[in-house]
Structure formats: C-alpha cells, structure tokens
Amino acid sequence: MAVEKPVSVDLDRSEAALVVGEDDEGGLSVRVLNGSGSDEAITELGDAPELVLALATRLMKDPDFQDDVLDWYYEHMEDEDGEEEDEAPEEE
C-alpha cells in the first residue's frame, strides 16, 4: 500500500475544521482543528468552533447519529442528482 502524504489546510483565525477518518481498527476518528493556531485551552468559543466541537462530540458518542447523518446525506444527494439533471443545459 502506498504511503499517503499529509494534506495541509489553511484556516482563518475565525474558522475551525472537523477532520473525520478511520483508525487502524476501522473505527471512527475525529479531530477538531482551530484556526487560531493556538494549542492553549480556549475558555470561550465562537459559533463556528463551538458548532464543530459539538458535531465532533456527537459523532464520537452517538453511533445512531452517525447513521442518521449518512441517511440524511444519501437522501439529499439523490434529490440533488435529480435536480441537477433537470437544470443541466441541453447540448446541441
């Protein structure tokens, strides 16, 4: 298996990122990255980091939520696929 190179993402100070992956045993891994670049404890979060942290916590602690999110995603992808086909311009 080829070794994958890490990917870098630049975040603004007001942004936060949710990084979801799989660990070696196939379980869910979740990390929250803060755009401020500080590793110090944060006493007050803005809306974006707080939302990301809440999603990360819910994903890790509630397997039913994981299933609900995937079900919602697949339902909406089907809707979008149908809409995109209807809205696509016809080729001449």
N, C-alpha and C. Protein backbone atom coordinates (compact mmCIF):
# COMPACT_ATOMS: atom_id res chain seq x y z
N MET A 1 0.84 -1.18 0.00
CA MET A 1 0.00 0.00 0.00
C MET A 1 0.89 1.24 0.00
N ALA A 2 0.57 2.21 -0.83
CA ALA A 2 1.35 3.44 -0.94
C ALA A 2 1.14 4.31 0.29
N VAL A 3 2.20 4.98 0.69
CA VAL A 3 2.12 5.89 1.82
C VAL A 3 1.49 7.19 1.34
N GLU A 4 0.45 7.62 2.04
CA GLU A 4 -0.23 8.85 1.66
C GLU A 4 0.46 10.05 2.31
N LYS A 5 0.57 11.13 1.54
CA LYS A 5 1.16 12.36 2.07
C LYS A 5 0.10 13.13 2.86
N PRO A 6 0.50 13.74 3.97
CA PRO A 6 -0.46 14.58 4.70
C PRO A 6 -0.90 15.77 3.85
N VAL A 7 -2.10 16.23 4.10
CA VAL A 7 -2.66 17.38 3.39
C VAL A 7 -2.72 18.55 4.36
N SER A 8 -2.32 19.71 3.90
CA SER A 8 -2.38 20.92 4.73
C SER A 8 -3.60 21.74 4.35
N VAL A 9 -4.22 22.33 5.36
CA VAL A 9 -5.36 23.21 5.15
C VAL A 9 -5.10 24.49 5.94
N ASP A 10 -5.22 25.62 5.27
CA ASP A 10 -5.06 26.90 5.94
C ASP A 10 -6.42 27.38 6.43
N LEU A 11 -6.51 27.66 7.71
CA LEU A 11 -7.76 28.14 8.31
C LEU A 11 -7.58 29.59 8.73
N ASP A 12 -8.61 30.39 8.53
CA ASP A 12 -8.64 31.74 9.08
C ASP A 12 -8.75 31.63 10.60
N ARG A 13 -8.40 32.69 11.28
CA ARG A 13 -8.45 32.67 12.75
C ARG A 13 -9.85 32.37 13.28
N SER A 14 -10.87 32.73 12.53
CA SER A 14 -12.25 32.53 12.99
C SER A 14 -12.82 31.17 12.58
N GLU A 15 -12.04 30.34 11.90
CA GLU A 15 -12.54 29.06 11.39
C GLU A 15 -12.07 27.89 12.26
N ALA A 16 -12.83 26.82 12.15
CA ALA A 16 -12.48 25.55 12.79
C ALA A 16 -12.79 24.45 11.79
N ALA A 17 -12.06 23.35 11.89
CA ALA A 17 -12.27 22.25 10.96
C ALA A 17 -12.53 20.95 11.72
N LEU A 18 -13.42 20.16 11.17
CA LEU A 18 -13.73 18.84 11.69
C LEU A 18 -13.06 17.84 10.76
N VAL A 19 -12.13 17.06 11.28
CA VAL A 19 -11.40 16.07 10.49
C VAL A 19 -11.88 14.70 10.94
N VAL A 20 -12.53 13.98 10.02
CA VAL A 20 -13.09 12.67 10.33
C VAL A 20 -12.34 11.63 9.51
N GLY A 21 -11.96 10.55 10.15
CA GLY A 21 -11.25 9.48 9.46
C GLY A 21 -11.55 8.15 10.11
N GLU A 22 -10.74 7.16 9.75
CA GLU A 22 -10.84 5.84 10.36
C GLU A 22 -9.50 5.48 10.98
N ASP A 23 -9.57 4.87 12.15
CA ASP A 23 -8.34 4.42 12.79
C ASP A 23 -7.95 3.06 12.22
N ASP A 24 -6.88 2.48 12.72
CA ASP A 24 -6.36 1.22 12.19
C ASP A 24 -7.33 0.05 12.35
N GLU A 25 -8.22 0.13 13.33
CA GLU A 25 -9.20 -0.94 13.55
C GLU A 25 -10.50 -0.69 12.79
N GLY A 26 -10.57 0.37 12.00
CA GLY A 26 -11.79 0.68 11.24
C GLY A 26 -12.79 1.52 12.00
N GLY A 27 -12.43 1.95 13.20
CA GLY A 27 -13.31 2.81 13.99
C GLY A 27 -13.20 4.26 13.55
N LEU A 28 -14.15 5.05 13.98
CA LEU A 28 -14.20 6.46 13.63
C LEU A 28 -13.17 7.25 14.43
N SER A 29 -12.44 8.12 13.73
CA SER A 29 -11.55 9.06 14.43
C SER A 29 -12.01 10.47 14.08
N VAL A 30 -12.00 11.34 15.06
CA VAL A 30 -12.46 12.71 14.87
C VAL A 30 -11.48 13.65 15.55
N ARG A 31 -11.10 14.70 14.80
CA ARG A 31 -10.24 15.75 15.36
C ARG A 31 -10.86 17.10 15.04
N VAL A 32 -10.66 18.04 15.95
CA VAL A 32 -11.11 19.41 15.73
C VAL A 32 -9.86 20.28 15.67
N LEU A 33 -9.74 21.05 14.59
CA LEU A 33 -8.61 21.96 14.42
C LEU A 33 -9.11 23.39 14.51
N ASN A 34 -8.39 24.20 15.25
CA ASN A 34 -8.77 25.58 15.49
C ASN A 34 -7.92 26.49 14.60
N GLY A 35 -8.55 27.42 13.91
CA GLY A 35 -7.84 28.32 13.02
C GLY A 35 -6.94 29.32 13.71
N SER A 36 -7.07 29.49 15.01
CA SER A 36 -6.23 30.47 15.70
C SER A 36 -4.80 29.98 15.82
N GLY A 37 -4.58 28.68 15.64
CA GLY A 37 -3.24 28.15 15.70
C GLY A 37 -2.70 28.01 17.11
N SER A 38 -3.50 28.27 18.09
CA SER A 38 -3.07 28.21 19.48
C SER A 38 -3.42 26.84 20.06
N ASP A 39 -2.48 26.24 20.78
CA ASP A 39 -2.74 24.98 21.46
C ASP A 39 -3.21 25.20 22.89
N GLU A 40 -3.28 26.46 23.30
CA GLU A 40 -3.71 26.77 24.66
C GLU A 40 -5.20 26.49 24.82
N ALA A 41 -5.60 26.22 26.04
CA ALA A 41 -7.01 25.99 26.32
C ALA A 41 -7.81 27.25 26.00
N ILE A 42 -8.93 27.06 25.35
CA ILE A 42 -9.78 28.19 24.99
C ILE A 42 -10.95 28.23 25.96
N THR A 43 -11.16 29.38 26.58
CA THR A 43 -12.21 29.48 27.57
C THR A 43 -13.55 29.83 26.95
N GLU A 44 -13.54 30.53 25.82
CA GLU A 44 -14.79 30.90 25.16
C GLU A 44 -14.64 30.67 23.66
N LEU A 45 -15.57 29.88 23.11
CA LEU A 45 -15.53 29.57 21.68
C LEU A 45 -16.48 30.46 20.92
N GLY A 46 -16.11 30.77 19.68
CA GLY A 46 -17.03 31.45 18.78
C GLY A 46 -18.04 30.43 18.26
N ASP A 47 -18.99 30.88 17.46
CA ASP A 47 -20.03 29.99 16.97
C ASP A 47 -19.49 28.86 16.10
N ALA A 48 -18.57 29.16 15.18
CA ALA A 48 -18.06 28.14 14.27
C ALA A 48 -17.30 27.04 15.02
N PRO A 49 -16.32 27.37 15.84
CA PRO A 49 -15.62 26.30 16.57
C PRO A 49 -16.52 25.53 17.52
N GLU A 50 -17.47 26.22 18.12
CA GLU A 50 -18.38 25.55 19.04
C GLU A 50 -19.26 24.54 18.30
N LEU A 51 -19.74 24.91 17.12
CA LEU A 51 -20.55 24.01 16.30
C LEU A 51 -19.73 22.79 15.88
N VAL A 52 -18.49 23.01 15.45
CA VAL A 52 -17.62 21.91 15.03
C VAL A 52 -17.35 20.98 16.21
N LEU A 53 -17.07 21.54 17.36
CA LEU A 53 -16.81 20.73 18.55
C LEU A 53 -18.05 19.93 18.95
N ALA A 54 -19.22 20.55 18.85
CA ALA A 54 -20.47 19.84 19.17
C ALA A 54 -20.69 18.67 18.21
N LEU A 55 -20.46 18.90 16.91
CA LEU A 55 -20.61 17.82 15.93
C LEU A 55 -19.62 16.69 16.19
N ALA A 56 -18.38 17.05 16.48
CA ALA A 56 -17.36 16.04 16.76
C ALA A 56 -17.74 15.20 17.98
N THR A 57 -18.19 15.85 19.02
CA THR A 57 -18.59 15.14 20.24
C THR A 57 -19.76 14.21 19.96
N ARG A 58 -20.75 14.70 19.24
CA ARG A 58 -21.93 13.89 18.93
C ARG A 58 -21.55 12.70 18.05
N LEU A 59 -20.68 12.91 17.06
CA LEU A 59 -20.25 11.81 16.20
C LEU A 59 -19.54 10.72 16.99
N MET A 60 -18.72 11.11 17.94
CA MET A 60 -17.96 10.14 18.72
C MET A 60 -18.81 9.40 19.74
N LYS A 61 -19.81 10.07 20.28
CA LYS A 61 -20.56 9.49 21.40
C LYS A 61 -21.91 8.89 21.02
N ASP A 62 -22.36 9.10 19.79
CA ASP A 62 -23.70 8.65 19.41
C ASP A 62 -23.67 7.95 18.05
N PRO A 63 -23.44 6.62 18.04
CA PRO A 63 -23.40 5.89 16.77
C PRO A 63 -24.69 6.03 15.95
N ASP A 64 -25.83 6.19 16.62
CA ASP A 64 -27.09 6.38 15.88
C ASP A 64 -27.06 7.69 15.10
N PHE A 65 -26.40 8.71 15.65
CA PHE A 65 -26.28 9.98 14.95
C PHE A 65 -25.45 9.82 13.69
N GLN A 66 -24.40 9.02 13.75
CA GLN A 66 -23.59 8.75 12.56
C GLN A 66 -24.48 8.19 11.45
N ASP A 67 -25.32 7.21 11.80
CA ASP A 67 -26.23 6.61 10.82
C ASP A 67 -27.23 7.64 10.30
N ASP A 68 -27.76 8.47 11.20
CA ASP A 68 -28.72 9.50 10.79
C ASP A 68 -28.10 10.49 9.81
N VAL A 69 -26.86 10.90 10.08
CA VAL A 69 -26.18 11.85 9.20
C VAL A 69 -25.97 11.23 7.82
N LEU A 70 -25.52 9.98 7.78
CA LEU A 70 -25.32 9.31 6.50
C LEU A 70 -26.63 9.13 5.75
N ASP A 71 -27.70 8.75 6.46
CA ASP A 71 -29.02 8.61 5.81
C ASP A 71 -29.46 9.95 5.22
N TRP A 72 -29.32 11.02 5.99
CA TRP A 72 -29.70 12.36 5.52
C TRP A 72 -28.90 12.72 4.27
N TYR A 73 -27.60 12.46 4.32
CA TYR A 73 -26.72 12.78 3.19
C TYR A 73 -27.17 12.05 1.93
N TYR A 74 -27.38 10.74 2.03
CA TYR A 74 -27.76 9.97 0.85
C TYR A 74 -29.12 10.38 0.31
N GLU A 75 -30.06 10.70 1.20
CA GLU A 75 -31.38 11.17 0.76
C GLU A 75 -31.25 12.48 -0.02
N HIS A 76 -30.43 13.39 0.48
CA HIS A 76 -30.28 14.69 -0.17
C HIS A 76 -29.43 14.62 -1.43
N MET A 77 -28.50 13.71 -1.49
CA MET A 77 -27.70 13.54 -2.70
C MET A 77 -28.59 13.05 -3.84
N GLU A 78 -29.53 12.15 -3.52
CA GLU A 78 -30.47 11.68 -4.54
C GLU A 78 -31.31 12.84 -5.05
N ASP A 79 -31.78 13.70 -4.14
CA ASP A 79 -32.57 14.87 -4.53
C ASP A 79 -31.75 15.79 -5.42
N GLU A 80 -30.52 16.07 -5.01
CA GLU A 80 -29.66 16.97 -5.79
C GLU A 80 -29.34 16.39 -7.15
N ASP A 81 -29.10 15.08 -7.21
CA ASP A 81 -28.80 14.46 -8.50
C ASP A 81 -29.95 14.65 -9.46
N GLY A 82 -31.17 14.47 -8.98
CA GLY A 82 -32.34 14.65 -9.83
C GLY A 82 -32.50 16.09 -10.27
N GLU A 83 -32.27 17.04 -9.35
CA GLU A 83 -32.39 18.46 -9.67
C GLU A 83 -31.33 18.88 -10.67
N GLU A 84 -30.12 18.38 -10.49
CA GLU A 84 -29.04 18.76 -11.39
C GLU A 84 -29.33 18.30 -12.82
N GLU A 85 -29.89 17.12 -12.95
CA GLU A 85 -30.20 16.63 -14.29
C GLU A 85 -31.27 17.49 -14.95
N ASP A 86 -32.27 17.91 -14.17
CA ASP A 86 -33.34 18.74 -14.72
C ASP A 86 -32.83 20.12 -15.11
N GLU A 87 -31.87 20.66 -14.34
CA GLU A 87 -31.40 22.01 -14.56
C GLU A 87 -30.24 22.10 -15.54
N ALA A 88 -29.65 20.97 -15.89
CA ALA A 88 -28.48 20.99 -16.77
C ALA A 88 -28.89 21.48 -18.16
N PRO A 89 -28.07 22.32 -18.79
CA PRO A 89 -28.41 22.81 -20.14
C PRO A 89 -28.31 21.67 -21.14
N GLU A 90 -29.18 21.72 -22.12
CA GLU A 90 -29.17 20.68 -23.14
C GLU A 90 -28.06 20.96 -24.14
N GLU A 91 -27.42 19.88 -24.59
CA GLU A 91 -26.37 20.03 -25.59
C GLU A 91 -27.00 20.08 -26.97
N GLU A 92 -26.41 20.88 -27.85
CA GLU A 92 -26.94 20.99 -29.22
C GLU A 92 -26.12 20.18 -30.17
